[in-house]
Amino acid sequence: MTPQELITSDLLEQLALGQLSPAEALRVEGLAHADPQAAAILNELRSAIERLAQGAALSPGAGVKDKVLGAISAALEKDAREGHPPVLHPASKLAEFARWINDPALVRPADAGPFFIIPIHQEGSSGTALLWLTLGAPEETHTNEIEKFLIVEGTCEISLPDRSHHLKAGDYLSIPLHTPHTIKVTSDVPCKLVLQRLAA
């Protein structure tokens, strides 16, 4: 699909609204990242949806926080039992992801483009994947998911409005909601990383 076909289709709108399957969402996201105009349109759609949601926001009732935290804890315990990837955090180690990082079936083909992704686990709008970048990724802002990275190979620079982070293998970074960011690969080899997006 060409960038113009992507822009004139309704796939960007469906992605922003969360109407695509997890696999299709990853594919469309990759296509959008490969074209600056499509990436800008996707960011504007997400921003517009966020503005609408904030305008209709309700205050949560008493006890909602405890229920949400309890549900998260139960989900994490279930994932650990079922062998799903762990949630990335500042103390995450590459060894925790060795089963996926070292899987011979989860490799980047030699003829892959500048953005190549392999989903590892998807549940609802949250997911974990292996991502390879050869150049980087254009600016994006997430309004409904927290994006986390754990660098596996190569190096990159992730720039946020207040500072740039120079990352190498084993480094972790979490992107807060509503924070524009760009990625620039700074190594001669593709930057391979564990990408995790968690619904906020």
C-alpha atoms as a PDB file:
ATOM      1  CA  MET A   1       0.000   0.000   0.000  1.00  0.00           C
ATOM      2  CA  THR A   2       1.378   3.396  -0.949  1.00  0.00           C
ATOM      3  CA  PRO A   3       1.362   6.316   1.524  1.00  0.00           C
ATOM      4  CA  GLN A   4      -1.320   8.074  -0.560  1.00  0.00           C
ATOM      5  CA  GLU A   5      -3.533   4.962  -0.540  1.00  0.00           C
ATOM      6  CA  LEU A   6      -3.136   4.781   3.231  1.00  0.00           C
ATOM      7  CA  ILE A   7      -4.082   8.445   3.639  1.00  0.00           C
ATOM      8  CA  THR A   8      -7.146   8.222   1.392  1.00  0.00           C
ATOM      9  CA  SER A   9      -8.384   5.003   3.000  1.00  0.00           C
ATOM     10  CA  ASP A  10     -10.093   4.982   6.391  1.00  0.00           C
ATOM     11  CA  LEU A  11      -7.360   2.864   8.010  1.00  0.00           C
ATOM     12  CA  LEU A  12      -5.786   5.766   9.906  1.00  0.00           C
ATOM     13  CA  GLU A  13      -9.174   6.676  11.375  1.00  0.00           C
ATOM     14  CA  GLN A  14      -9.838   3.046  12.316  1.00  0.00           C
ATOM     15  CA  LEU A  15      -6.400   2.830  13.950  1.00  0.00           C
ATOM     16  CA  ALA A  16      -6.957   6.010  15.954  1.00  0.00           C
ATOM     17  CA  LEU A  17     -10.357   4.748  17.103  1.00  0.00           C
ATOM     18  CA  GLY A  18      -8.989   1.320  18.092  1.00  0.00           C
ATOM     19  CA  GLN A  19     -11.173  -0.500  15.553  1.00  0.00           C
ATOM     20  CA  LEU A  20      -8.456  -2.644  13.951  1.00  0.00           C
ATOM     21  CA  SER A  21      -7.332  -6.069  15.065  1.00  0.00           C
ATOM     22  CA  PRO A  22      -4.019  -6.046  16.964  1.00  0.00           C
ATOM     23  CA  ALA A  23      -2.114  -7.432  13.964  1.00  0.00           C
ATOM     24  CA  GLU A  24      -3.703  -4.986  11.531  1.00  0.00           C
ATOM     25  CA  ALA A  25      -3.098  -2.101  13.953  1.00  0.00           C
ATOM     26  CA  LEU A  26       0.627  -2.925  14.053  1.00  0.00           C
ATOM     27  CA  ARG A  27       0.753  -3.127  10.242  1.00  0.00           C
ATOM     28  CA  VAL A  28      -1.025   0.198   9.733  1.00  0.00           C
ATOM     29  CA  GLU A  29       1.069   1.846  12.468  1.00  0.00           C
ATOM     30  CA  GLY A  30       4.220   0.697  10.638  1.00  0.00           C
ATOM     31  CA  LEU A  31       2.947   2.089   7.329  1.00  0.00           C
ATOM     32  CA  ALA A  32       2.068   5.403   8.987  1.00  0.00           C
ATOM     33  CA  HIS A  33       5.513   5.677  10.613  1.00  0.00           C
ATOM     34  CA  ALA A  34       7.147   5.220   7.213  1.00  0.00           C
ATOM     35  CA  ASP A  35       5.489   8.369   5.812  1.00  0.00           C
ATOM     36  CA  PRO A  36       5.716  11.760   7.588  1.00  0.00           C
ATOM     37  CA  GLN A  37       2.379  12.976   6.196  1.00  0.00           C
ATOM     38  CA  ALA A  38       0.534   9.823   7.306  1.00  0.00           C
ATOM     39  CA  ALA A  39       2.216  10.008  10.739  1.00  0.00           C
ATOM     40  CA  ALA A  40       1.123  13.648  11.130  1.00  0.00           C
ATOM     41  CA  ILE A  41      -2.465  12.801  10.164  1.00  0.00           C
ATOM     42  CA  LEU A  42      -2.520   9.910  12.640  1.00  0.00           C
ATOM     43  CA  ASN A  43      -1.211  12.157  15.431  1.00  0.00           C
ATOM     44  CA  GLU A  44      -3.848  14.799  14.664  1.00  0.00           C
ATOM     45  CA  LEU A  45      -6.610  12.170  14.698  1.00  0.00           C
ATOM     46  CA  ARG A  46      -5.424  10.880  18.071  1.00  0.00           C
ATOM     47  CA  SER A  47      -5.222  14.422  19.453  1.00  0.00           C
ATOM     48  CA  ALA A  48      -8.758  15.197  18.257  1.00  0.00           C
ATOM     49  CA  ILE A  49     -10.083  12.023  19.896  1.00  0.00           C
ATOM     50  CA  GLU A  50      -8.301  12.940  23.125  1.00  0.00           C
ATOM     51  CA  ARG A  51      -9.848  16.431  23.103  1.00  0.00           C
ATOM     52  CA  LEU A  52     -13.301  14.919  22.636  1.00  0.00           C
ATOM     53  CA  ALA A  53     -12.707  12.427  25.440  1.00  0.00           C
ATOM     54  CA  GLN A  54     -11.437  15.087  27.829  1.00  0.00           C
ATOM     55  CA  GLY A  55     -14.492  17.200  27.114  1.00  0.00           C
ATOM     56  CA  ALA A  56     -16.749  14.326  28.149  1.00  0.00           C
ATOM     57  CA  ALA A  57     -14.611  13.042  31.051  1.00  0.00           C
ATOM     58  CA  LEU A  58     -16.273  12.030  34.314  1.00  0.00           C
ATOM     59  CA  SER A  59     -14.700  11.918  37.764  1.00  0.00           C
ATOM     60  CA  PRO A  60     -14.257   8.329  38.982  1.00  0.00           C
ATOM     61  CA  GLY A  61     -16.163   7.220  42.037  1.00  0.00           C
ATOM     62  CA  ALA A  62     -14.665   6.152  45.364  1.00  0.00           C
ATOM     63  CA  GLY A  63     -12.791   2.861  45.265  1.00  0.00           C
ATOM     64  CA  VAL A  64     -12.191   2.879  41.503  1.00  0.00           C
ATOM     65  CA  LYS A  65      -8.415   3.251  41.905  1.00  0.00           C
ATOM     66  CA  ASP A  66      -8.213   0.194  44.193  1.00  0.00           C
ATOM     67  CA  LYS A  67     -10.291  -1.861  41.749  1.00  0.00           C
ATOM     68  CA  VAL A  68      -8.130  -0.845  38.787  1.00  0.00           C
ATOM     69  CA  LEU A  69      -4.881  -1.606  40.636  1.00  0.00           C
ATOM     70  CA  GLY A  70      -6.289  -4.962  41.755  1.00  0.00           C
ATOM     71  CA  ALA A  71      -7.235  -5.842  38.167  1.00  0.00           C
ATOM     72  CA  ILE A  72      -3.761  -4.875  36.941  1.00  0.00           C
ATOM     73  CA  SER A  73      -2.112  -7.003  39.618  1.00  0.00           C
ATOM     74  CA  ALA A  74      -4.288  -9.999  38.713  1.00  0.00           C
ATOM     75  CA  ALA A  75      -3.499  -9.561  35.016  1.00  0.00           C
ATOM     76  CA  LEU A  76       0.247  -9.427  35.706  1.00  0.00           C
ATOM     77  CA  GLU A  77       0.067 -12.607  37.777  1.00  0.00           C
ATOM     78  CA  LYS A  78      -1.903 -14.322  34.985  1.00  0.00           C
ATOM     79  CA  ASP A  79       0.665 -13.238  32.376  1.00  0.00           C
ATOM     80  CA  ALA A  80       3.506 -14.616  34.490  1.00  0.00           C
ATOM     81  CA  ARG A  81       1.698 -17.959  34.829  1.00  0.00           C
ATOM     82  CA  GLU A  82       0.961 -18.175  31.092  1.00  0.00           C
ATOM     83  CA  GLY A  83       4.456 -17.193  29.924  1.00  0.00           C
ATOM     84  CA  HIS A  84       3.586 -13.774  28.526  1.00  0.00           C
ATOM     85  CA  PRO A  85       6.276 -11.101  28.373  1.00  0.00           C
ATOM     86  CA  PRO A  86       6.673  -9.167  31.622  1.00  0.00           C
ATOM     87  CA  VAL A  87       5.719  -5.510  31.895  1.00  0.00           C
ATOM     88  CA  LEU A  88       8.714  -3.297  31.166  1.00  0.00           C
ATOM     89  CA  HIS A  89       9.966  -1.158  34.061  1.00  0.00           C
ATOM     90  CA  PRO A  90      13.175   0.746  34.910  1.00  0.00           C
ATOM     91  CA  ALA A  91      14.857  -2.366  36.333  1.00  0.00           C
ATOM     92  CA  SER A  92      13.939  -4.634  33.384  1.00  0.00           C
ATOM     93  CA  LYS A  93      16.763  -6.830  32.103  1.00  0.00           C
ATOM     94  CA  LEU A  94      17.282  -8.280  28.636  1.00  0.00           C
ATOM     95  CA  ALA A  95      17.461 -11.747  30.235  1.00  0.00           C
ATOM     96  CA  GLU A  96      13.748 -11.476  31.092  1.00  0.00           C
ATOM     97  CA  PHE A  97      13.012 -11.332  27.339  1.00  0.00           C
ATOM     98  CA  ALA A  98      15.639 -13.891  26.219  1.00  0.00           C
ATOM     99  CA  ARG A  99      13.000 -16.396  25.146  1.00  0.00           C
ATOM    100  CA  TRP A 100      11.728 -13.953  22.492  1.00  0.00           C
ATOM    101  CA  ILE A 101      14.963 -12.081  21.712  1.00  0.00           C
ATOM    102  CA  ASN A 102      16.794 -15.338  20.971  1.00  0.00           C
ATOM    103  CA  ASP A 103      13.938 -17.119  19.173  1.00  0.00           C
ATOM    104  CA  PRO A 104      15.247 -18.020  15.678  1.00  0.00           C
ATOM    105  CA  ALA A 105      11.738 -17.533  14.292  1.00  0.00           C
ATOM    106  CA  LEU A 106      11.632 -13.906  15.472  1.00  0.00           C
ATOM    107  CA  VAL A 107      14.242 -12.289  13.250  1.00  0.00           C
ATOM    108  CA  ARG A 108      14.292  -9.338  10.872  1.00  0.00           C
ATOM    109  CA  PRO A 109      14.485 -10.452   7.225  1.00  0.00           C
ATOM    110  CA  ALA A 110      17.481  -9.120   5.286  1.00  0.00           C
ATOM    111  CA  ASP A 111      15.160  -7.292   2.855  1.00  0.00           C
ATOM    112  CA  ALA A 112      13.003  -5.659   5.556  1.00  0.00           C
ATOM    113  CA  GLY A 113      12.318  -1.961   5.289  1.00  0.00           C
ATOM    114  CA  PRO A 114      13.339   0.786   7.728  1.00  0.00           C
ATOM    115  CA  PHE A 115      10.549  -0.173  10.174  1.00  0.00           C
ATOM    116  CA  PHE A 116       9.980  -3.878  10.923  1.00  0.00           C
ATOM    117  CA  ILE A 117       7.882  -5.231  13.774  1.00  0.00           C
ATOM    118  CA  ILE A 118       7.008  -8.705  15.071  1.00  0.00           C
ATOM    119  CA  PRO A 119       4.229  -8.899  17.678  1.00  0.00           C
ATOM    120  CA  ILE A 120       5.058 -11.070  20.692  1.00  0.00           C
ATOM    121  CA  HIS A 121       1.862 -10.735  22.684  1.00  0.00           C
ATOM    122  CA  GLN A 122      -1.304  -8.688  22.267  1.00  0.00           C
ATOM    123  CA  GLU A 123      -4.197  -8.381  24.660  1.00  0.00           C
ATOM    124  CA  GLY A 124      -6.819  -5.763  23.931  1.00  0.00           C
ATOM    125  CA  SER A 125      -5.081  -2.488  23.164  1.00  0.00           C
ATOM    126  CA  SER A 126      -1.910  -3.432  25.074  1.00  0.00           C
ATOM    127  CA  GLY A 127       0.904  -5.352  23.483  1.00  0.00           C
ATOM    128  CA  THR A 128       4.562  -6.260  23.290  1.00  0.00           C
ATOM    129  CA  ALA A 129       6.615  -6.589  20.120  1.00  0.00           C
ATOM    130  CA  LEU A 130      10.135  -6.750  18.771  1.00  0.00           C
ATOM    131  CA  LEU A 131      10.905  -3.690  16.650  1.00  0.00           C
ATOM    132  CA  TRP A 132      13.809  -2.974  14.304  1.00  0.00           C
ATOM    133  CA  LEU A 133      14.511   0.564  13.070  1.00  0.00           C
ATOM    134  CA  THR A 134      17.228   1.421  10.566  1.00  0.00           C
ATOM    135  CA  LEU A 135      16.673   5.191  10.473  1.00  0.00           C
ATOM    136  CA  GLY A 136      14.247   6.056  13.244  1.00  0.00           C
ATOM    137  CA  ALA A 137      10.619   7.067  13.614  1.00  0.00           C
ATOM    138  CA  PRO A 138       8.925  10.418  13.019  1.00  0.00           C
ATOM    139  CA  GLU A 139       7.347  12.435  15.798  1.00  0.00           C
ATOM    140  CA  GLU A 140       4.327  10.903  17.455  1.00  0.00           C
ATOM    141  CA  THR A 141       2.275  11.504  20.580  1.00  0.00           C
ATOM    142  CA  HIS A 142       0.274   8.826  22.386  1.00  0.00           C
ATOM    143  CA  THR A 143      -2.933   9.850  24.095  1.00  0.00           C
ATOM    144  CA  ASN A 144      -4.307   6.494  25.212  1.00  0.00           C
ATOM    145  CA  GLU A 145      -1.276   4.276  25.755  1.00  0.00           C
ATOM    146  CA  ILE A 146       2.059   4.412  27.524  1.00  0.00           C
ATOM    147  CA  GLU A 147       4.959   3.417  25.286  1.00  0.00           C
ATOM    148  CA  LYS A 148       8.001   1.681  26.754  1.00  0.00           C
ATOM    149  CA  PHE A 149      11.281   0.608  25.180  1.00  0.00           C
ATOM    150  CA  LEU A 150      14.069  -1.796  26.129  1.00  0.00           C
ATOM    151  CA  ILE A 151      17.010  -1.624  23.722  1.00  0.00           C
ATOM    152  CA  VAL A 152      18.289  -5.028  22.574  1.00  0.00           C
ATOM    153  CA  GLU A 153      20.921  -4.166  19.917  1.00  0.00           C
ATOM    154  CA  GLY A 154      22.294  -1.024  18.347  1.00  0.00           C
ATOM    155  CA  THR A 155      21.819   2.491  19.666  1.00  0.00           C
ATOM    156  CA  CYS A 156      19.289   5.267  19.250  1.00  0.00           C
ATOM    157  CA  GLU A 157      18.374   8.714  20.458  1.00  0.00           C
ATOM    158  CA  ILE A 158      14.821   9.277  21.663  1.00  0.00           C
ATOM    159  CA  SER A 159      14.025  12.979  21.856  1.00  0.00           C
ATOM    160  CA  LEU A 160      11.304  14.419  24.082  1.00  0.00           C
ATOM    161  CA  PRO A 161      10.492  18.126  24.427  1.00  0.00           C
ATOM    162  CA  ASP A 162      12.671  18.552  27.525  1.00  0.00           C
ATOM    163  CA  ARG A 163      15.647  16.326  26.660  1.00  0.00           C
ATOM    164  CA  SER A 164      17.165  13.636  24.459  1.00  0.00           C
ATOM    165  CA  HIS A 165      17.958  10.144  25.704  1.00  0.00           C
ATOM    166  CA  HIS A 166      20.922   8.291  24.163  1.00  0.00           C
ATOM    167  CA  LEU A 167      20.146   4.597  24.546  1.00  0.00           C
ATOM    168  CA  LYS A 168      22.204   1.434  24.103  1.00  0.00           C
ATOM    169  CA  ALA A 169      21.579  -2.285  24.670  1.00  0.00           C
ATOM    170  CA  GLY A 170      19.988  -2.879  28.064  1.00  0.00           C
ATOM    171  CA  ASP A 171      18.659   0.687  28.442  1.00  0.00           C
ATOM    172  CA  TYR A 172      14.994   1.338  29.253  1.00  0.00           C
ATOM    173  CA  LEU A 173      12.808   4.359  28.570  1.00  0.00           C
ATOM    174  CA  SER A 174       9.116   5.047  29.135  1.00  0.00           C
ATOM    175  CA  ILE A 175       7.304   7.776  27.203  1.00  0.00           C
ATOM    176  CA  PRO A 176       4.615   9.560  29.258  1.00  0.00           C
ATOM    177  CA  LEU A 177       1.176  10.174  27.792  1.00  0.00           C
ATOM    178  CA  HIS A 178       0.752  13.322  25.683  1.00  0.00           C
ATOM    179  CA  THR A 179       4.506  13.642  25.115  1.00  0.00           C
ATOM    180  CA  PRO A 180       5.734  14.158  21.560  1.00  0.00           C
ATOM    181  CA  HIS A 181       8.812  12.084  20.788  1.00  0.00           C
ATOM    182  CA  THR A 182      11.025  11.066  17.879  1.00  0.00           C
ATOM    183  CA  ILE A 183      13.517   8.244  17.459  1.00  0.00           C
ATOM    184  CA  LYS A 184      16.798   8.485  15.552  1.00  0.00           C
ATOM    185  CA  VAL A 185      18.989   5.424  15.062  1.00  0.00           C
ATOM    186  CA  THR A 186      22.617   6.257  15.898  1.00  0.00           C
ATOM    187  CA  SER A 187      24.267   2.891  15.153  1.00  0.00           C
ATOM    188  CA  ASP A 188      25.455   1.325  11.905  1.00  0.00           C
ATOM    189  CA  VAL A 189      23.244  -1.686  12.600  1.00  0.00           C
ATOM    190  CA  PRO A 190      19.461  -1.588  12.983  1.00  0.00           C
ATOM    191  CA  CYS A 191      18.297  -0.668  16.454  1.00  0.00           C
ATOM    192  CA  LYS A 192      16.438  -3.695  17.810  1.00  0.00           C
ATOM    193  CA  LEU A 193      14.226  -3.135  20.806  1.00  0.00           C
ATOM    194  CA  VAL A 194      11.399  -4.543  22.845  1.00  0.00           C
ATOM    195  CA  LEU A 195       8.435  -2.214  22.357  1.00  0.00           C
ATOM    196  CA  GLN A 196       5.570  -2.307  24.809  1.00  0.00           C
ATOM    197  CA  ARG A 197       2.387  -0.289  24.660  1.00  0.00           C
ATOM    198  CA  LEU A 198       0.082  -0.366  27.655  1.00  0.00           C
ATOM    199  CA  ALA A 199      -3.413   1.040  27.579  1.00  0.00           C
ATOM    200  CA  ALA A 200      -3.678   4.038  29.887  1.00  0.00           C
END
